[in-house]
Amino acid sequence: MSRRRPSLKKPSRYRVRARDLEYMAWIRRNRCAAHHIGGCAGKTEADHAGRRTVGMKSDDNTCIPLCHKHHVQRGSFSGHFRSWDKATMRAWLDACIRHYQDAYKAYKENRR
């Protein structure tokens, strides 16, 4: 049996983001939020789409489902997202986040 070494790492001075693994698993079971654009490819991934500070991912409860192709394109403003400016992208992401948070709440209530 091996012993774990005590961590020599100092605690981070940055905020630790909220984790919600159950929400992220539910997100990955949905179809791509950009399916209306067409051309989806790859497994659905949980894209951390919420607002964040520099060097941090947004909280898990602001994830939206994107196929691998659209996830990469959204992050690099390429493909269909190439013509979008930051304001258009943020408006779309905020609408998606609200939609999936509301859908998840309804899902949780129906499971009771």
Foldseek 3Di string as FASTA:
>chain_A
DDDDDDDPDDDDPDDDAAEDVVLQVVQQVDEAPCCVVPDADAGWGWAQLDDDDPPDGHHSLLTHTHHPVVSVCLVVCDDPSVPPDPVRSNVSSVVRSVVSNVVVVVVVVVVD
